[in-house]
Amino acid sequence: MSQMILHRDRCKACRYCIKACPKNALSESDEFNKKGYQPVVVDEEKCVQCGSCYIICPDYVFEIAE
């Protein structure tokens, strides 16, 4: 099964991925990354690794690993 990997320090909080997720598996974190942004977090139970976030993210935050 695939696994979603987040590179949180790359996230600039544009939220494109949150809007694009068909399963509402992404949300805003309460914490801040090294750049001072609130990165997204993934709900592993809701995520189906469809790749919508991977496709839309301009900062290469997401990686889907086999």
PDB file of N, CA and C in Angstrom:
ATOM      1  N   MET A   1       0.836  -1.191   0.000  1.00  0.00           N
ATOM      2  CA  MET A   1       0.000   0.000   0.000  1.00  0.00           C
ATOM      3  C   MET A   1       0.877   1.249   0.000  1.00  0.00           C
ATOM      4  N   SER A   2       0.427   2.279  -0.652  1.00  0.00           N
ATOM      5  CA  SER A   2       1.159   3.542  -0.732  1.00  0.00           C
ATOM      6  C   SER A   2       1.089   4.290   0.582  1.00  0.00           C
ATOM      7  N   GLN A   3       2.054   5.176   0.764  1.00  0.00           N
ATOM      8  CA  GLN A   3       2.107   6.008   1.961  1.00  0.00           C
ATOM      9  C   GLN A   3       2.325   7.453   1.536  1.00  0.00           C
ATOM     10  N   MET A   4       1.619   8.360   2.172  1.00  0.00           N
ATOM     11  CA  MET A   4       1.763   9.781   1.896  1.00  0.00           C
ATOM     12  C   MET A   4       2.852  10.349   2.793  1.00  0.00           C
ATOM     13  N   ILE A   5       3.849  10.990   2.182  1.00  0.00           N
ATOM     14  CA  ILE A   5       4.936  11.613   2.926  1.00  0.00           C
ATOM     15  C   ILE A   5       4.841  13.117   2.709  1.00  0.00           C
ATOM     16  N   LEU A   6       4.887  13.875   3.802  1.00  0.00           N
ATOM     17  CA  LEU A   6       4.827  15.332   3.721  1.00  0.00           C
ATOM     18  C   LEU A   6       6.198  15.915   4.040  1.00  0.00           C
ATOM     19  N   HIS A   7       6.643  16.811   3.209  1.00  0.00           N
ATOM     20  CA  HIS A   7       7.861  17.570   3.461  1.00  0.00           C
ATOM     21  C   HIS A   7       7.397  18.922   3.996  1.00  0.00           C
ATOM     22  N   ARG A   8       7.127  18.949   5.291  1.00  0.00           N
ATOM     23  CA  ARG A   8       6.480  20.090   5.942  1.00  0.00           C
ATOM     24  C   ARG A   8       7.263  21.399   5.814  1.00  0.00           C
ATOM     25  N   ASP A   9       8.581  21.328   5.754  1.00  0.00           N
ATOM     26  CA  ASP A   9       9.374  22.547   5.663  1.00  0.00           C
ATOM     27  C   ASP A   9       9.293  23.204   4.291  1.00  0.00           C
ATOM     28  N   ARG A  10       8.774  22.498   3.306  1.00  0.00           N
ATOM     29  CA  ARG A  10       8.589  23.079   1.962  1.00  0.00           C
ATOM     30  C   ARG A  10       7.265  23.839   1.852  1.00  0.00           C
ATOM     31  N   CYS A  11       6.333  23.567   2.745  1.00  0.00           N
ATOM     32  CA  CYS A  11       4.979  24.127   2.675  1.00  0.00           C
ATOM     33  C   CYS A  11       4.987  25.629   2.960  1.00  0.00           C
ATOM     34  N   LYS A  12       4.281  26.371   2.082  1.00  0.00           N
ATOM     35  CA  LYS A  12       4.138  27.815   2.252  1.00  0.00           C
ATOM     36  C   LYS A  12       2.683  28.196   2.513  1.00  0.00           C
ATOM     37  N   ALA A  13       1.890  27.235   2.936  1.00  0.00           N
ATOM     38  CA  ALA A  13       0.517  27.469   3.385  1.00  0.00           C
ATOM     39  C   ALA A  13      -0.396  28.084   2.329  1.00  0.00           C
ATOM     40  N   CYS A  14      -0.253  27.683   1.080  1.00  0.00           N
ATOM     41  CA  CYS A  14      -1.129  28.217   0.029  1.00  0.00           C
ATOM     42  C   CYS A  14      -2.529  27.602   0.103  1.00  0.00           C
ATOM     43  N   ARG A  15      -2.628  26.421   0.670  1.00  0.00           N
ATOM     44  CA  ARG A  15      -3.892  25.697   0.878  1.00  0.00           C
ATOM     45  C   ARG A  15      -4.544  25.168  -0.400  1.00  0.00           C
ATOM     46  N   TYR A  16      -3.833  25.184  -1.515  1.00  0.00           N
ATOM     47  CA  TYR A  16      -4.378  24.609  -2.748  1.00  0.00           C
ATOM     48  C   TYR A  16      -4.729  23.140  -2.540  1.00  0.00           C
ATOM     49  N   CYS A  17      -3.875  22.445  -1.813  1.00  0.00           N
ATOM     50  CA  CYS A  17      -4.076  21.009  -1.599  1.00  0.00           C
ATOM     51  C   CYS A  17      -5.331  20.731  -0.772  1.00  0.00           C
ATOM     52  N   ILE A  18      -5.580  21.566   0.216  1.00  0.00           N
ATOM     53  CA  ILE A  18      -6.768  21.375   1.059  1.00  0.00           C
ATOM     54  C   ILE A  18      -8.027  21.499   0.207  1.00  0.00           C
ATOM     55  N   LYS A  19      -8.044  22.477  -0.685  1.00  0.00           N
ATOM     56  CA  LYS A  19      -9.195  22.676  -1.564  1.00  0.00           C
ATOM     57  C   LYS A  19      -9.333  21.553  -2.586  1.00  0.00           C
ATOM     58  N   ALA A  20      -8.209  20.985  -3.012  1.00  0.00           N
ATOM     59  CA  ALA A  20      -8.225  19.955  -4.057  1.00  0.00           C
ATOM     60  C   ALA A  20      -8.529  18.553  -3.537  1.00  0.00           C
ATOM     61  N   CYS A  21      -8.378  18.312  -2.254  1.00  0.00           N
ATOM     62  CA  CYS A  21      -8.543  16.963  -1.700  1.00  0.00           C
ATOM     63  C   CYS A  21     -10.008  16.523  -1.733  1.00  0.00           C
ATOM     64  N   PRO A  22     -10.323  15.458  -2.471  1.00  0.00           N
ATOM     65  CA  PRO A  22     -11.712  15.006  -2.571  1.00  0.00           C
ATOM     66  C   PRO A  22     -12.216  14.301  -1.313  1.00  0.00           C
ATOM     67  N   LYS A  23     -11.326  13.924  -0.422  1.00  0.00           N
ATOM     68  CA  LYS A  23     -11.700  13.205   0.799  1.00  0.00           C
ATOM     69  C   LYS A  23     -11.586  14.057   2.062  1.00  0.00           C
ATOM     70  N   ASN A  24     -11.265  15.342   1.903  1.00  0.00           N
ATOM     71  CA  ASN A  24     -11.079  16.240   3.052  1.00  0.00           C
ATOM     72  C   ASN A  24     -10.089  15.666   4.062  1.00  0.00           C
ATOM     73  N   ALA A  25      -9.016  15.084   3.544  1.00  0.00           N
ATOM     74  CA  ALA A  25      -8.008  14.449   4.390  1.00  0.00           C
ATOM     75  C   ALA A  25      -6.901  15.408   4.818  1.00  0.00           C
ATOM     76  N   LEU A  26      -6.912  16.617   4.293  1.00  0.00           N
ATOM     77  CA  LEU A  26      -5.870  17.581   4.620  1.00  0.00           C
ATOM     78  C   LEU A  26      -6.446  18.747   5.409  1.00  0.00           C
ATOM     79  N   SER A  27      -5.647  19.244   6.350  1.00  0.00           N
ATOM     80  CA  SER A  27      -6.070  20.388   7.144  1.00  0.00           C
ATOM     81  C   SER A  27      -4.846  21.196   7.555  1.00  0.00           C
ATOM     82  N   GLU A  28      -5.091  22.357   8.107  1.00  0.00           N
ATOM     83  CA  GLU A  28      -4.023  23.251   8.542  1.00  0.00           C
ATOM     84  C   GLU A  28      -3.487  22.782   9.894  1.00  0.00           C
ATOM     85  N   SER A  29      -2.184  22.795  10.043  1.00  0.00           N
ATOM     86  CA  SER A  29      -1.537  22.403  11.283  1.00  0.00           C
ATOM     87  C   SER A  29      -1.629  23.526  12.313  1.00  0.00           C
ATOM     88  N   ASP A  30      -1.521  23.176  13.578  1.00  0.00           N
ATOM     89  CA  ASP A  30      -1.460  24.168  14.655  1.00  0.00           C
ATOM     90  C   ASP A  30      -0.021  24.631  14.881  1.00  0.00           C
ATOM     91  N   GLU A  31       0.930  23.939  14.277  1.00  0.00           N
ATOM     92  CA  GLU A  31       2.340  24.242  14.459  1.00  0.00           C
ATOM     93  C   GLU A  31       2.873  25.026  13.262  1.00  0.00           C
ATOM     94  N   PHE A  32       4.076  25.545  13.409  1.00  0.00           N
ATOM     95  CA  PHE A  32       4.722  26.306  12.347  1.00  0.00           C
ATOM     96  C   PHE A  32       5.968  25.574  11.869  1.00  0.00           C
ATOM     97  N   ASN A  33       6.267  25.704  10.567  1.00  0.00           N
ATOM     98  CA  ASN A  33       7.491  25.094  10.048  1.00  0.00           C
ATOM     99  C   ASN A  33       8.646  26.086  10.167  1.00  0.00           C
ATOM    100  N   LYS A  34       9.815  25.708   9.666  1.00  0.00           N
ATOM    101  CA  LYS A  34      11.016  26.547   9.783  1.00  0.00           C
ATOM    102  C   LYS A  34      10.878  27.888   9.074  1.00  0.00           C
ATOM    103  N   LYS A  35       9.998  27.947   8.064  1.00  0.00           N
ATOM    104  CA  LYS A  35       9.797  29.183   7.313  1.00  0.00           C
ATOM    105  C   LYS A  35       8.747  30.092   7.958  1.00  0.00           C
ATOM    106  N   GLY A  36       8.087  29.604   9.017  1.00  0.00           N
ATOM    107  CA  GLY A  36       7.088  30.404   9.711  1.00  0.00           C
ATOM    108  C   GLY A  36       5.671  30.206   9.226  1.00  0.00           C
ATOM    109  N   TYR A  37       5.445  29.195   8.382  1.00  0.00           N
ATOM    110  CA  TYR A  37       4.104  28.902   7.865  1.00  0.00           C
ATOM    111  C   TYR A  37       3.481  27.752   8.635  1.00  0.00           C
ATOM    112  N   GLN A  38       2.154  27.720   8.630  1.00  0.00           N
ATOM    113  CA  GLN A  38       1.431  26.593   9.207  1.00  0.00           C
ATOM    114  C   GLN A  38       1.221  25.557   8.106  1.00  0.00           C
ATOM    115  N   PRO A  39       2.024  24.501   8.097  1.00  0.00           N
ATOM    116  CA  PRO A  39       1.912  23.507   7.028  1.00  0.00           C
ATOM    117  C   PRO A  39       0.656  22.652   7.176  1.00  0.00           C
ATOM    118  N   VAL A  40       0.341  21.940   6.133  1.00  0.00           N
ATOM    119  CA  VAL A  40      -0.807  21.046   6.171  1.00  0.00           C
ATOM    120  C   VAL A  40      -0.441  19.747   6.881  1.00  0.00           C
ATOM    121  N   VAL A  41      -1.466  19.076   7.368  1.00  0.00           N
ATOM    122  CA  VAL A  41      -1.322  17.744   7.946  1.00  0.00           C
ATOM    123  C   VAL A  41      -2.306  16.832   7.233  1.00  0.00           C
ATOM    124  N   VAL A  42      -1.982  15.560   7.186  1.00  0.00           N
ATOM    125  CA  VAL A  42      -2.840  14.597   6.501  1.00  0.00           C
ATOM    126  C   VAL A  42      -3.473  13.659   7.524  1.00  0.00           C
ATOM    127  N   ASP A  43      -4.753  13.393   7.356  1.00  0.00           N
ATOM    128  CA  ASP A  43      -5.473  12.408   8.153  1.00  0.00           C
ATOM    129  C   ASP A  43      -5.323  11.079   7.413  1.00  0.00           C
ATOM    130  N   GLU A  44      -4.467  10.223   7.919  1.00  0.00           N
ATOM    131  CA  GLU A  44      -4.143   8.957   7.257  1.00  0.00           C
ATOM    132  C   GLU A  44      -5.369   8.061   7.058  1.00  0.00           C
ATOM    133  N   GLU A  45      -6.363   8.190   7.927  1.00  0.00           N
ATOM    134  CA  GLU A  45      -7.566   7.367   7.806  1.00  0.00           C
ATOM    135  C   GLU A  45      -8.442   7.792   6.631  1.00  0.00           C
ATOM    136  N   LYS A  46      -8.421   9.073   6.293  1.00  0.00           N
ATOM    137  CA  LYS A  46      -9.228   9.582   5.188  1.00  0.00           C
ATOM    138  C   LYS A  46      -8.494   9.549   3.849  1.00  0.00           C
ATOM    139  N   CYS A  47      -7.183   9.659   3.891  1.00  0.00           N
ATOM    140  CA  CYS A  47      -6.381   9.758   2.666  1.00  0.00           C
ATOM    141  C   CYS A  47      -6.391   8.450   1.881  1.00  0.00           C
ATOM    142  N   VAL A  48      -6.666   8.566   0.581  1.00  0.00           N
ATOM    143  CA  VAL A  48      -6.688   7.396  -0.308  1.00  0.00           C
ATOM    144  C   VAL A  48      -5.550   7.454  -1.326  1.00  0.00           C
ATOM    145  N   GLN A  49      -4.584   8.335  -1.116  1.00  0.00           N
ATOM    146  CA  GLN A  49      -3.420   8.502  -1.981  1.00  0.00           C
ATOM    147  C   GLN A  49      -3.819   8.700  -3.447  1.00  0.00           C
ATOM    148  N   CYS A  50      -4.790   9.544  -3.679  1.00  0.00           N
ATOM    149  CA  CYS A  50      -5.269   9.792  -5.041  1.00  0.00           C
ATOM    150  C   CYS A  50      -4.302  10.661  -5.845  1.00  0.00           C
ATOM    151  N   GLY A  51      -3.477  11.444  -5.154  1.00  0.00           N
ATOM    152  CA  GLY A  51      -2.492  12.275  -5.827  1.00  0.00           C
ATOM    153  C   GLY A  51      -2.953  13.683  -6.149  1.00  0.00           C
ATOM    154  N   SER A  52      -4.163  14.062  -5.779  1.00  0.00           N
ATOM    155  CA  SER A  52      -4.650  15.418  -6.066  1.00  0.00           C
ATOM    156  C   SER A  52      -3.750  16.476  -5.441  1.00  0.00           C
ATOM    157  N   CYS A  53      -3.329  16.258  -4.219  1.00  0.00           N
ATOM    158  CA  CYS A  53      -2.458  17.215  -3.534  1.00  0.00           C
ATOM    159  C   CYS A  53      -1.086  17.260  -4.206  1.00  0.00           C
ATOM    160  N   TYR A  54      -0.589  16.117  -4.588  1.00  0.00           N
ATOM    161  CA  TYR A  54       0.713  16.021  -5.257  1.00  0.00           C
ATOM    162  C   TYR A  54       0.713  16.808  -6.567  1.00  0.00           C
ATOM    163  N   ILE A  55      -0.359  16.678  -7.314  1.00  0.00           N
ATOM    164  CA  ILE A  55      -0.464  17.340  -8.619  1.00  0.00           C
ATOM    165  C   ILE A  55      -0.563  18.856  -8.481  1.00  0.00           C
ATOM    166  N   ILE A  56      -1.332  19.337  -7.512  1.00  0.00           N
ATOM    167  CA  ILE A  56      -1.596  20.777  -7.416  1.00  0.00           C
ATOM    168  C   ILE A  56      -0.549  21.560  -6.624  1.00  0.00           C
ATOM    169  N   CYS A  57       0.229  20.895  -5.795  1.00  0.00           N
ATOM    170  CA  CYS A  57       1.173  21.587  -4.921  1.00  0.00           C
ATOM    171  C   CYS A  57       2.337  22.208  -5.711  1.00  0.00           C
ATOM    172  N   PRO A  58       2.512  23.532  -5.612  1.00  0.00           N
ATOM    173  CA  PRO A  58       3.600  24.188  -6.340  1.00  0.00           C
ATOM    174  C   PRO A  58       4.961  24.054  -5.650  1.00  0.00           C
ATOM    175  N   ASP A  59       4.973  23.527  -4.430  1.00  0.00           N
ATOM    176  CA  ASP A  59       6.206  23.480  -3.640  1.00  0.00           C
ATOM    177  C   ASP A  59       6.726  22.068  -3.353  1.00  0.00           C
ATOM    178  N   TYR A  60       6.175  21.078  -4.020  1.00  0.00           N
ATOM    179  CA  TYR A  60       6.625  19.680  -3.885  1.00  0.00           C
ATOM    180  C   TYR A  60       6.609  19.195  -2.431  1.00  0.00           C
ATOM    181  N   VAL A  61       5.531  19.516  -1.728  1.00  0.00           N
ATOM    182  CA  VAL A  61       5.383  19.120  -0.331  1.00  0.00           C
ATOM    183  C   VAL A  61       5.063  17.635  -0.218  1.00  0.00           C
ATOM    184  N   PHE A  62       4.349  17.094  -1.178  1.00  0.00           N
ATOM    185  CA  PHE A  62       3.844  15.738  -1.081  1.00  0.00           C
ATOM    186  C   PHE A  62       4.665  14.726  -1.888  1.00  0.00           C
ATOM    187  N   GLU A  63       4.755  13.535  -1.310  1.00  0.00           N
ATOM    188  CA  GLU A  63       5.411  12.419  -1.978  1.00  0.00           C
ATOM    189  C   GLU A  63       4.584  11.174  -1.661  1.00  0.00           C
ATOM    190  N   ILE A  64       4.307  10.399  -2.690  1.00  0.00           N
ATOM    191  CA  ILE A  64       3.575   9.156  -2.486  1.00  0.00           C
ATOM    192  C   ILE A  64       4.564   8.016  -2.692  1.00  0.00           C
ATOM    193  N   ALA A  65       4.853   7.311  -1.609  1.00  0.00           N
ATOM    194  CA  ALA A  65       5.849   6.241  -1.627  1.00  0.00           C
ATOM    195  C   ALA A  65       5.166   4.888  -1.652  1.00  0.00           C
ATOM    196  N   GLU A  66       5.744   3.990  -2.390  1.00  0.00           N
ATOM    197  CA  GLU A  66       5.230   2.611  -2.473  1.00  0.00           C
ATOM    198  C   GLU A  66       5.747   1.807  -1.316  1.00  0.00           C
TER     199      GLU A  66
END
